[in-house]
Amino acid sequence: MAADHDTTALIIGGGIAGLTAAVALRQYGIDSRVFEQADDLRKTQVGSGLSLGYNVTRAFKHLDLLDELTGPAASITGLEFTTNKGRHVGTARALELALGILRPALHGVLANSVGTDEVQVGTKLVRFEQDEGGVTAHFADGRTARGDVLIGADGLQSTVRKQLLGDSEPRYRGYCTRRGILQTELAKDGPEYVFLGIGERFVFYPVGQGYLYWTAATNEPPGGKEDGAEIKRTVLERFQGWPDPIESLVQATDESNTFLSDTQDRDPVERWGEGRVTLLGDAAHPMTWDRGQGASQGIEGAVLLAKQLAQGDDPAAALRAWEAERIPRTKKMVRSSRAIGRLQQSKNPLLRVIHHQAIRIETKPSLFRKANKNLLVEY
């Protein structure tokens, strides 16, 4: 790691990407301060699950946090694709360590590493201004903070992004997810199961400490509101007769551990920042969940951003160099995630046949390694 560095970073947002940036910057000898608008850092993450690919496990190894991460997580050993009629489509084995984890557990590992004293909660950014010497952040309560760079890691509705790009609202992709978490004997290290239907999908995988996470994706209008009982009832109706153990998993899930959300993303953009300001994570490249790379790309980007900032004495030039590497990569991730979602939610019989055949081919060991080689990131 690099020696102490004169740069000081202001990180707006205490989510997964923002906290990863703080950990990584510290590893490279760069001071940072995290500002989170929520009053309680622990309440910023809902209890959904995350699948973390090889790029993330390599990133946490690089940050000396892999042992802390594997404690509350489960190993995802590969992928199993099956139709809603129980016909096997394809099997792939994981190339390296991949993990399933509850979002609050991952966030907790990062928060413990950063330390609560380094995060200022209840600080909502309203605007920033910059000059040749640095960046000043202005918060809703009248406070200000000054740093050499400002990193907007403030999520899908990013204040930093709005000031930089003036973006419109995220775009709904045509399907929502009803999700649940439960403790079950089935929650052991093992593959991620993907069941493919006609405009519907059911996915589940272990997330550690005896918990399993499931997702039911259905094509329908956006903006739905349902309580826990309605979520369970809808999933049981829509997925009645699907292969075991789908119905039993949903029935065994406590209503309080269910969630409903729309699937959204934004079209990739050519610019994330200007001067001493940039964007990170969902603020920069919001993508659908279909490839399991939303949070992962934020983590990967945070580590590489810290590395880039530590390599020179011109913070603005470092941000532009990092963006030049990251924008093309995340653009591909956004588009491939969107394409997978479109295919797997399709009701077109021909598209489904083509997609299933592609899965059979792409899950063959040599082709699966080739297709996922871009996740074997060197930090």
Protein backbone atom coordinates (compact mmCIF):
# COMPACT_ATOMS: atom_id res chain seq x y z
CA MET A 1 0.00 0.00 0.00
CA ALA A 2 1.01 3.62 -0.54
CA ALA A 3 2.37 5.84 2.17
CA ASP A 4 0.34 8.65 3.74
CA HIS A 5 -1.09 10.98 1.14
CA ASP A 6 -2.00 14.67 1.36
CA THR A 7 -5.39 14.23 -0.33
CA THR A 8 -8.55 14.39 1.79
CA ALA A 9 -11.77 12.93 0.34
CA LEU A 10 -15.36 13.87 1.21
CA ILE A 11 -17.60 10.84 0.67
CA ILE A 12 -21.31 11.62 0.34
CA GLY A 13 -23.28 8.52 1.29
CA GLY A 14 -22.65 5.86 3.92
CA GLY A 15 -23.90 2.90 1.92
CA ILE A 16 -21.87 -0.05 0.67
CA ALA A 17 -19.97 1.83 -2.04
CA GLY A 18 -19.25 4.85 0.16
CA LEU A 19 -17.97 2.80 3.09
CA THR A 20 -15.86 0.62 0.81
CA ALA A 21 -14.29 3.78 -0.56
CA ALA A 22 -13.47 4.94 2.97
CA VAL A 23 -11.82 1.60 3.82
CA ALA A 24 -9.86 1.55 0.57
CA LEU A 25 -8.70 5.16 0.85
CA ARG A 26 -7.41 4.49 4.35
CA GLN A 27 -5.46 1.48 3.04
CA TYR A 28 -3.75 3.81 0.59
CA GLY A 29 -2.96 6.43 3.23
CA ILE A 30 -5.70 8.87 2.18
CA ASP A 31 -7.90 10.54 4.78
CA SER A 32 -11.65 10.58 4.19
CA ARG A 33 -14.84 11.72 5.89
CA VAL A 34 -18.19 10.03 5.24
CA PHE A 35 -21.45 11.99 5.36
CA GLU A 36 -24.74 10.07 5.57
CA GLN A 37 -28.13 11.77 5.54
CA ALA A 38 -29.84 9.07 7.64
CA ASP A 39 -29.78 9.55 11.40
CA ASP A 40 -28.80 5.92 12.01
CA LEU A 41 -26.21 4.28 9.78
CA ARG A 42 -27.55 0.82 10.61
CA LYS A 43 -30.97 1.68 9.15
CA THR A 44 -29.70 2.58 5.70
CA GLN A 45 -29.81 -1.03 4.45
CA VAL A 46 -32.92 -3.19 4.11
CA GLY A 47 -32.64 -6.89 4.79
CA SER A 48 -32.34 -8.14 1.24
CA GLY A 49 -29.64 -10.50 0.01
CA LEU A 50 -26.67 -9.95 -2.25
CA SER A 51 -24.61 -12.29 -4.37
CA LEU A 52 -20.97 -11.19 -4.42
CA GLY A 53 -18.86 -12.33 -7.33
CA TYR A 54 -15.18 -13.06 -7.63
CA ASN A 55 -14.39 -9.38 -8.18
CA VAL A 56 -15.76 -8.60 -4.70
CA THR A 57 -14.09 -11.44 -2.85
CA ARG A 58 -10.81 -10.42 -4.49
CA ALA A 59 -11.46 -6.79 -3.48
CA PHE A 60 -12.06 -7.75 0.16
CA LYS A 61 -8.94 -9.91 0.16
CA HIS A 62 -7.03 -6.87 -1.12
CA LEU A 63 -8.50 -4.82 1.76
CA ASP A 64 -7.64 -7.52 4.34
CA LEU A 65 -11.35 -7.95 5.12
CA LEU A 66 -12.08 -11.32 3.52
CA ASP A 67 -12.15 -13.20 6.84
CA GLU A 68 -14.62 -10.69 8.26
CA LEU A 69 -16.76 -11.04 5.14
CA THR A 70 -16.84 -14.84 5.01
CA GLY A 71 -17.94 -15.09 8.65
CA PRO A 72 -21.54 -13.90 8.12
CA ALA A 73 -21.74 -15.11 4.48
CA ALA A 74 -22.32 -18.38 2.64
CA SER A 75 -20.39 -19.79 -0.28
CA ILE A 76 -22.24 -19.83 -3.61
CA THR A 77 -20.75 -22.77 -5.43
CA GLY A 78 -22.23 -22.19 -8.87
CA LEU A 79 -25.45 -21.73 -10.86
CA GLU A 80 -28.31 -24.14 -11.54
CA PHE A 81 -30.81 -23.24 -14.27
CA THR A 82 -34.17 -25.05 -14.42
CA THR A 83 -37.48 -24.35 -16.17
CA ASN A 84 -40.72 -23.86 -14.28
CA LYS A 85 -41.64 -27.39 -15.39
CA GLY A 86 -38.55 -28.86 -13.72
CA ARG A 87 -36.47 -29.40 -16.86
CA HIS A 88 -32.74 -28.91 -16.31
CA VAL A 89 -31.23 -26.20 -18.53
CA GLY A 90 -27.63 -25.79 -17.37
CA THR A 91 -25.15 -26.04 -14.50
CA ALA A 92 -22.05 -23.94 -13.88
CA ARG A 93 -19.48 -24.26 -11.12
CA ALA A 94 -18.02 -21.14 -9.52
CA LEU A 95 -14.54 -20.29 -10.76
CA GLU A 96 -13.42 -18.86 -7.41
CA LEU A 97 -14.95 -17.91 -4.09
CA ALA A 98 -18.36 -16.27 -4.54
CA LEU A 99 -20.58 -15.37 -1.60
CA GLY A 100 -24.18 -14.81 -0.64
CA ILE A 101 -24.75 -12.36 2.21
CA LEU A 102 -27.47 -10.24 3.74
CA ARG A 103 -27.06 -6.59 2.77
CA PRO A 104 -27.06 -5.37 6.42
CA ALA A 105 -24.35 -7.93 7.29
CA LEU A 106 -22.08 -6.69 4.50
CA HIS A 107 -22.76 -3.11 5.48
CA GLY A 108 -21.93 -3.96 9.09
CA VAL A 109 -18.54 -5.41 8.14
CA LEU A 110 -17.70 -2.19 6.32
CA ALA A 111 -19.07 0.08 9.07
CA ASN A 112 -17.03 -1.73 11.71
CA SER A 113 -13.90 -1.32 9.60
CA VAL A 114 -14.48 2.38 8.98
CA GLY A 115 -15.49 3.12 12.57
CA THR A 116 -18.56 5.11 13.58
CA ASP A 117 -16.42 8.11 14.53
CA GLU A 118 -15.48 8.52 10.86
CA VAL A 119 -19.11 8.76 9.69
CA GLN A 120 -21.25 11.83 10.27
CA VAL A 121 -24.92 10.87 10.20
CA GLY A 122 -27.84 13.24 9.79
CA THR A 123 -25.90 15.32 7.25
CA LYS A 124 -27.91 15.80 4.06
CA LEU A 125 -25.97 17.36 1.21
CA VAL A 126 -27.76 20.21 -0.56
CA ARG A 127 -24.98 21.36 -2.90
CA PHE A 128 -21.25 21.55 -3.45
CA GLU A 129 -18.91 24.10 -4.93
CA GLN A 130 -15.32 23.78 -6.01
CA ASP A 131 -12.35 25.93 -6.88
CA GLU A 132 -8.71 25.36 -7.78
CA GLY A 133 -7.86 24.42 -4.20
CA GLY A 134 -10.63 21.98 -3.30
CA VAL A 135 -14.33 21.23 -2.85
CA THR A 136 -16.78 22.54 -0.26
CA ALA A 137 -19.88 20.53 0.64
CA HIS A 138 -22.92 22.38 2.02
CA PHE A 139 -25.39 20.48 4.20
CA ALA A 140 -29.03 21.09 5.07
CA ASP A 141 -28.27 22.01 8.69
CA GLY A 142 -25.91 24.79 7.61
CA ARG A 143 -22.68 22.92 8.20
CA THR A 144 -19.94 22.76 5.57
CA ALA A 145 -16.97 20.50 4.92
CA ARG A 146 -13.87 21.10 2.83
CA GLY A 147 -11.77 18.48 1.01
CA ASP A 148 -9.54 17.89 -1.97
CA VAL A 149 -12.09 15.68 -3.74
CA LEU A 150 -15.77 14.87 -3.33
CA ILE A 151 -17.13 11.39 -4.11
CA GLY A 152 -20.87 11.15 -4.68
CA ALA A 153 -21.81 7.68 -3.41
CA ASP A 154 -25.33 8.77 -2.51
CA GLY A 155 -27.35 6.21 -4.41
CA LEU A 156 -30.03 6.10 -7.07
CA GLN A 157 -31.43 9.54 -6.22
CA SER A 158 -28.00 11.11 -5.86
CA THR A 159 -27.86 14.81 -5.00
CA VAL A 160 -24.33 14.97 -6.37
CA ARG A 161 -25.43 13.45 -9.68
CA LYS A 162 -28.32 15.87 -10.00
CA GLN A 163 -26.02 18.86 -9.60
CA LEU A 164 -23.51 17.40 -12.07
CA LEU A 165 -25.83 15.93 -14.69
CA GLY A 166 -29.36 17.12 -13.94
CA ASP A 167 -30.67 13.61 -14.54
CA SER A 168 -34.28 12.54 -14.96
CA GLU A 169 -35.87 9.73 -12.96
CA PRO A 170 -34.62 6.12 -13.26
CA ARG A 171 -36.33 3.95 -15.86
CA TYR A 172 -38.58 1.01 -14.94
CA ARG A 173 -37.56 -2.12 -16.82
CA GLY A 174 -40.98 -3.82 -16.90
CA TYR A 175 -40.75 -6.22 -13.97
CA CYS A 176 -40.79 -6.06 -10.20
CA THR A 177 -39.43 -8.37 -7.53
CA ARG A 178 -41.08 -9.80 -4.47
CA ARG A 179 -38.39 -11.04 -2.13
CA GLY A 180 -38.04 -12.87 1.14
CA ILE A 181 -35.55 -14.09 3.74
CA LEU A 182 -35.98 -17.12 5.96
CA GLN A 183 -34.03 -19.46 8.16
CA THR A 184 -34.11 -23.00 6.79
CA GLU A 185 -32.10 -26.21 6.74
CA LEU A 186 -31.73 -25.66 3.00
CA ALA A 187 -29.58 -22.58 3.64
CA LYS A 188 -26.21 -24.27 3.24
CA ASP A 189 -23.25 -23.52 1.01
CA GLY A 190 -24.42 -24.39 -2.47
CA PRO A 191 -25.44 -23.04 -5.86
CA GLU A 192 -27.71 -20.18 -6.79
CA TYR A 193 -30.88 -21.67 -8.25
CA VAL A 194 -32.62 -19.92 -11.16
CA PHE A 195 -36.05 -21.16 -12.28
CA LEU A 196 -37.22 -19.78 -15.64
CA GLY A 197 -40.86 -19.41 -16.59
CA ILE A 198 -42.92 -17.37 -19.06
CA GLY A 199 -42.41 -13.76 -18.01
CA GLU A 200 -41.56 -14.98 -14.50
CA ARG A 201 -38.47 -16.12 -12.59
CA PHE A 202 -37.73 -17.49 -9.17
CA VAL A 203 -34.19 -17.31 -7.75
CA PHE A 204 -32.80 -18.39 -4.39
CA TYR A 205 -29.41 -18.80 -2.74
CA PRO A 206 -27.88 -19.02 0.77
CA VAL A 207 -26.86 -15.79 2.49
CA GLY A 208 -25.12 -17.13 5.60
CA GLN A 209 -25.90 -17.91 9.23
CA GLY A 210 -28.69 -20.30 8.28
CA TYR A 211 -30.57 -17.81 6.10
CA LEU A 212 -31.76 -18.20 2.53
CA TYR A 213 -32.84 -15.38 0.21
CA TRP A 214 -35.40 -15.71 -2.57
CA THR A 215 -36.57 -13.44 -5.38
CA ALA A 216 -39.73 -13.79 -7.47
CA ALA A 217 -39.69 -11.60 -10.60
CA THR A 218 -42.92 -10.89 -12.50
CA ASN A 219 -43.89 -8.64 -15.40
CA GLU A 220 -46.38 -6.00 -14.26
CA PRO A 221 -46.89 -2.22 -14.02
CA PRO A 222 -44.59 -0.24 -11.69
CA GLY A 223 -45.42 1.29 -8.34
CA GLY A 224 -47.12 -1.66 -6.67
CA LYS A 225 -47.69 -1.51 -2.91
CA GLU A 226 -48.33 -4.66 -0.88
CA ASP A 227 -47.96 -5.66 2.74
CA GLY A 228 -46.21 -8.86 3.75
CA ALA A 229 -49.31 -11.01 3.58
CA GLU A 230 -50.14 -9.73 0.10
CA ILE A 231 -46.58 -10.34 -1.10
CA LYS A 232 -46.68 -13.96 0.03
CA ARG A 233 -50.16 -14.52 -1.38
CA THR A 234 -49.23 -13.08 -4.77
CA VAL A 235 -46.05 -15.17 -5.05
CA LEU A 236 -47.85 -18.36 -4.04
CA GLU A 237 -50.54 -17.70 -6.65
CA ARG A 238 -48.14 -16.79 -9.46
CA PHE A 239 -45.70 -19.64 -8.77
CA GLN A 240 -48.17 -22.38 -7.88
CA GLY A 241 -47.02 -25.73 -9.22
CA TRP A 242 -43.41 -24.68 -9.80
CA PRO A 243 -40.72 -27.18 -8.74
CA ASP A 244 -39.89 -27.84 -5.09
CA PRO A 245 -38.93 -26.20 -2.82
CA ILE A 246 -40.35 -22.90 -4.15
CA GLU A 247 -43.80 -22.98 -2.55
CA SER A 248 -42.52 -24.31 0.77
CA LEU A 249 -39.87 -21.56 0.93
CA VAL A 250 -42.43 -18.84 0.40
CA GLN A 251 -44.90 -20.37 2.85
CA ALA A 252 -42.20 -20.60 5.53
CA THR A 253 -41.14 -16.96 5.16
CA ASP A 254 -42.32 -14.57 7.85
CA GLU A 255 -44.40 -11.72 6.43
CA SER A 256 -42.13 -9.16 8.11
CA ASN A 257 -39.18 -10.47 6.06
CA THR A 258 -40.71 -9.83 2.64
CA PHE A 259 -40.12 -6.91 0.28
CA LEU A 260 -41.51 -5.56 -2.99
CA SER A 261 -39.63 -3.27 -5.35
CA ASP A 262 -39.53 -2.19 -8.98
CA THR A 263 -36.56 -3.07 -11.18
CA GLN A 264 -34.91 0.12 -12.41
CA ASP A 265 -31.75 1.38 -14.03
CA ARG A 266 -30.49 4.35 -16.03
CA ASP A 267 -28.91 4.53 -19.45
CA PRO A 268 -25.11 4.77 -19.17
CA VAL A 269 -23.63 8.24 -19.49
CA GLU A 270 -20.31 9.43 -20.87
CA ARG A 271 -19.39 11.64 -17.91
CA TRP A 272 -19.50 11.07 -14.15
CA GLY A 273 -17.78 14.16 -12.84
CA GLU A 274 -15.91 17.36 -13.34
CA GLY A 275 -12.95 18.92 -11.61
CA ARG A 276 -12.54 17.41 -8.16
CA VAL A 277 -15.93 15.67 -8.08
CA THR A 278 -16.98 12.21 -9.27
CA LEU A 279 -19.73 9.61 -8.78
CA LEU A 280 -19.51 6.09 -7.38
CA GLY A 281 -21.80 3.06 -7.23
CA ASP A 282 -25.51 3.49 -7.97
CA ALA A 283 -25.03 7.24 -8.27
CA ALA A 284 -22.79 6.59 -11.28
CA HIS A 285 -24.10 3.42 -12.92
CA PRO A 286 -27.42 2.09 -11.54
CA MET A 287 -28.12 -1.32 -13.07
CA THR A 288 -30.68 -4.06 -12.71
CA TRP A 289 -30.04 -6.97 -10.36
CA ASP A 290 -30.02 -9.58 -13.10
CA ARG A 291 -26.26 -10.09 -13.28
CA GLY A 292 -25.63 -9.67 -9.56
CA GLN A 293 -23.20 -6.81 -10.18
CA GLY A 294 -24.97 -3.72 -8.82
CA ALA A 295 -23.28 -3.55 -5.42
CA SER A 296 -20.28 -5.47 -6.74
CA GLN A 297 -19.39 -2.81 -9.30
CA GLY A 298 -19.59 -0.14 -6.60
CA ILE A 299 -17.18 -2.11 -4.42
CA GLU A 300 -14.80 -2.82 -7.29
CA GLY A 301 -14.87 0.81 -8.37
CA ALA A 302 -14.23 2.09 -4.84
CA VAL A 303 -11.02 0.09 -4.47
CA LEU A 304 -9.71 1.11 -7.87
CA LEU A 305 -10.61 4.75 -7.21
CA ALA A 306 -8.54 4.77 -4.03
CA LYS A 307 -5.65 3.16 -5.89
CA GLN A 308 -5.83 5.79 -8.63
CA LEU A 309 -5.96 8.71 -6.19
CA ALA A 310 -2.87 7.41 -4.44
CA GLN A 311 -0.80 7.35 -7.63
CA GLY A 312 -0.37 11.08 -8.18
CA ASP A 313 -0.62 14.60 -6.82
CA ASP A 314 -3.36 15.89 -9.14
CA PRO A 315 -6.73 14.74 -7.71
CA ALA A 316 -8.78 15.98 -10.68
CA ALA A 317 -6.54 14.17 -13.17
CA ALA A 318 -6.76 11.01 -11.06
CA LEU A 319 -10.57 11.13 -11.09
CA ARG A 320 -10.66 11.53 -14.87
CA ALA A 321 -8.21 8.65 -15.35
CA TRP A 322 -10.32 6.42 -13.11
CA GLU A 323 -13.50 7.40 -14.95
CA ALA A 324 -11.86 6.65 -18.30
CA GLU A 325 -11.34 3.06 -17.12
CA ARG A 326 -14.61 2.59 -15.25
CA ILE A 327 -17.20 4.13 -17.56
CA PRO A 328 -16.70 1.67 -20.46
CA ARG A 329 -16.65 -1.31 -18.08
CA THR A 330 -19.79 -0.36 -16.16
CA LYS A 331 -21.55 0.59 -19.39
CA LYS A 332 -21.15 -3.03 -20.51
CA MET A 333 -22.39 -4.27 -17.12
CA VAL A 334 -25.51 -2.09 -17.25
CA ARG A 335 -26.34 -3.28 -20.74
CA SER A 336 -25.61 -6.96 -20.11
CA SER A 337 -27.69 -6.91 -16.91
CA ARG A 338 -30.54 -5.30 -18.81
CA ALA A 339 -30.25 -7.86 -21.62
CA ILE A 340 -30.35 -10.80 -19.21
CA GLY A 341 -33.42 -9.39 -17.52
CA ARG A 342 -35.16 -8.81 -20.84
CA LEU A 343 -34.45 -12.37 -22.00
CA GLN A 344 -35.37 -14.08 -18.75
CA GLN A 345 -38.60 -12.11 -18.41
CA SER A 346 -39.59 -12.61 -22.05
CA LYS A 347 -42.90 -14.18 -23.00
CA ASN A 348 -41.72 -14.73 -26.57
CA PRO A 349 -41.43 -18.52 -27.15
CA LEU A 350 -38.64 -18.21 -29.71
CA LEU A 351 -36.55 -15.91 -27.47
CA ARG A 352 -36.97 -18.32 -24.56
CA VAL A 353 -35.79 -21.27 -26.65
CA ILE A 354 -32.77 -19.30 -27.87
CA HIS A 355 -31.95 -18.16 -24.32
CA HIS A 356 -32.19 -21.67 -22.87
CA GLN A 357 -29.92 -22.99 -25.59
CA ALA A 358 -27.45 -20.18 -24.87
CA ILE A 359 -27.44 -21.14 -21.18
CA ARG A 360 -26.65 -24.77 -22.06
CA ILE A 361 -23.69 -23.63 -24.12
CA GLU A 362 -22.40 -20.86 -21.85
CA THR A 363 -22.43 -23.01 -18.71
CA LYS A 364 -19.91 -25.41 -20.21
CA PRO A 365 -16.73 -25.01 -18.11
CA SER A 366 -14.45 -23.48 -20.75
CA LEU A 367 -17.06 -21.04 -22.03
CA PHE A 368 -18.23 -20.12 -18.53
CA ARG A 369 -14.67 -19.22 -17.56
CA LYS A 370 -14.28 -17.14 -20.69
CA ALA A 371 -17.60 -15.34 -20.13
CA ASN A 372 -16.72 -14.52 -16.51
CA LYS A 373 -13.04 -13.75 -16.99
CA ASN A 374 -13.78 -10.03 -16.58
CA LEU A 375 -14.71 -10.67 -12.93
CA LEU A 376 -11.24 -12.00 -12.10
CA VAL A 377 -10.05 -8.48 -11.34
CA GLU A 378 -6.48 -7.76 -10.34
CA TYR A 379 -6.23 -5.04 -7.71
